[in-house]
Amino acid sequence: MRRSKKKYTVAVSLSGVFGLLGIHHFYLGRWFHGLIDLSMTISGYYLAFLREDTILIGFLILGVDIIHTFVVTILLLVGNYKDGDGDYITYPGQILKQN
């Protein structure tokens, strides 16, 4: 197990503030994951607020995105999330187990 070069505080802050947009995934080098997050937010917003016939679907998409962001933020907080290179984003003082 390797420690990521990405900063823990930056990753957690980005996830907490811009989590629905997936900005933290772009920072961590998980581009595909970031694009999925961003597209879910945009499509959910469009379907929920800009169209009258798809409100329920839009809120469903936004709900899934909110739950996903919450889970990823918790994983980041406890030091159990990997960056795009497969390295762990660790909190200060976290000890990594060697395989």
Protein backbone atom coordinates (compact mmCIF):
# COMPACT_ATOMS: atom_id res chain seq x y z
CA MET A 1 0.00 0.00 0.00
CA ARG A 2 1.33 3.36 -0.99
CA ARG A 3 0.55 6.86 0.22
CA SER A 4 -0.76 9.27 -2.42
CA LYS A 5 1.07 12.49 -3.23
CA LYS A 6 -2.29 14.29 -3.27
CA LYS A 7 -3.11 16.40 -0.22
CA TYR A 8 -5.69 14.98 2.21
CA THR A 9 -7.11 18.36 3.23
CA VAL A 10 -7.52 19.50 -0.36
CA ALA A 11 -9.30 16.27 -1.37
CA VAL A 12 -11.67 16.33 1.62
CA SER A 13 -12.39 20.05 1.18
CA LEU A 14 -13.14 19.68 -2.51
CA SER A 15 -15.39 16.71 -1.80
CA GLY A 16 -17.25 18.59 0.92
CA VAL A 17 -17.73 21.82 -1.02
CA PHE A 18 -17.92 20.73 -4.66
CA GLY A 19 -18.77 17.05 -4.17
CA LEU A 20 -21.81 16.94 -6.43
CA LEU A 21 -19.77 18.36 -9.30
CA GLY A 22 -17.03 15.73 -8.89
CA ILE A 23 -14.21 18.27 -8.64
CA HIS A 24 -12.43 16.10 -6.04
CA HIS A 25 -12.30 13.21 -8.54
CA PHE A 26 -10.59 15.43 -11.11
CA TYR A 27 -8.08 16.53 -8.44
CA LEU A 28 -7.39 12.90 -7.52
CA GLY A 29 -6.84 11.86 -11.14
CA ARG A 30 -10.07 9.86 -11.42
CA TRP A 31 -11.26 11.62 -14.58
CA PHE A 32 -13.94 9.14 -15.63
CA HIS A 33 -15.47 9.16 -12.16
CA GLY A 34 -15.42 12.97 -12.18
CA LEU A 35 -17.16 13.11 -15.55
CA ILE A 36 -19.87 10.73 -14.32
CA ASP A 37 -20.42 12.88 -11.20
CA LEU A 38 -20.55 16.08 -13.22
CA SER A 39 -22.95 14.63 -15.80
CA MET A 40 -25.25 13.29 -13.06
CA THR A 41 -25.44 16.74 -11.47
CA ILE A 42 -26.09 18.53 -14.74
CA SER A 43 -28.66 16.03 -16.00
CA GLY A 44 -30.37 15.78 -12.59
CA TYR A 45 -30.63 19.56 -12.33
CA TYR A 46 -31.94 19.83 -15.89
CA LEU A 47 -34.54 17.11 -15.43
CA ALA A 48 -35.67 18.29 -11.98
CA PHE A 49 -35.79 22.05 -12.46
CA LEU A 50 -35.90 22.88 -16.16
CA ARG A 51 -38.49 20.37 -17.38
CA GLU A 52 -41.93 19.83 -15.94
CA ASP A 53 -42.46 16.22 -17.01
CA THR A 54 -39.27 14.68 -15.54
CA ILE A 55 -39.11 16.17 -12.05
CA LEU A 56 -39.13 12.82 -10.25
CA ILE A 57 -36.36 11.35 -12.42
CA GLY A 58 -34.25 14.47 -11.90
CA PHE A 59 -34.59 14.32 -8.14
CA LEU A 60 -33.82 10.61 -8.19
CA ILE A 61 -30.57 11.24 -10.10
CA LEU A 62 -29.63 14.08 -7.74
CA GLY A 63 -30.43 11.87 -4.73
CA VAL A 64 -28.13 9.11 -5.97
CA ASP A 65 -25.41 11.69 -6.59
CA ILE A 66 -25.82 13.11 -3.07
CA ILE A 67 -25.58 9.66 -1.48
CA HIS A 68 -22.54 8.80 -3.61
CA THR A 69 -20.81 12.05 -2.64
CA PHE A 70 -21.54 11.43 1.04
CA VAL A 71 -20.03 7.93 0.87
CA VAL A 72 -16.90 9.13 -0.97
CA THR A 73 -16.43 11.97 1.52
CA ILE A 74 -16.65 9.53 4.44
CA LEU A 75 -14.13 7.21 2.73
CA LEU A 76 -11.79 10.16 2.26
CA LEU A 77 -12.18 11.23 5.89
CA VAL A 78 -11.24 7.78 7.22
CA GLY A 79 -8.30 7.40 4.80
CA ASN A 80 -9.77 4.53 2.79
CA TYR A 81 -10.01 6.07 -0.69
CA LYS A 82 -7.58 5.74 -3.58
CA ASP A 83 -6.45 8.27 -6.14
CA GLY A 84 -6.21 7.62 -9.87
CA ASP A 85 -2.86 5.83 -9.44
CA GLY A 86 -4.26 3.43 -6.83
CA ASP A 87 -2.50 5.12 -3.91
CA TYR A 88 -4.36 5.85 -0.67
CA ILE A 89 -5.30 9.39 0.32
CA THR A 90 -4.21 9.29 3.95
CA TYR A 91 -5.03 11.57 6.84
CA PRO A 92 -2.12 13.03 8.83
CA GLY A 93 -0.56 10.36 11.01
CA GLN A 94 -2.35 7.46 9.34
CA ILE A 95 -0.35 4.22 9.38
CA LEU A 96 -0.67 2.05 6.28
CA LYS A 97 -0.64 -1.72 6.63
CA GLN A 98 1.92 -3.51 4.50
CA ASN A 99 0.69 -6.46 2.43
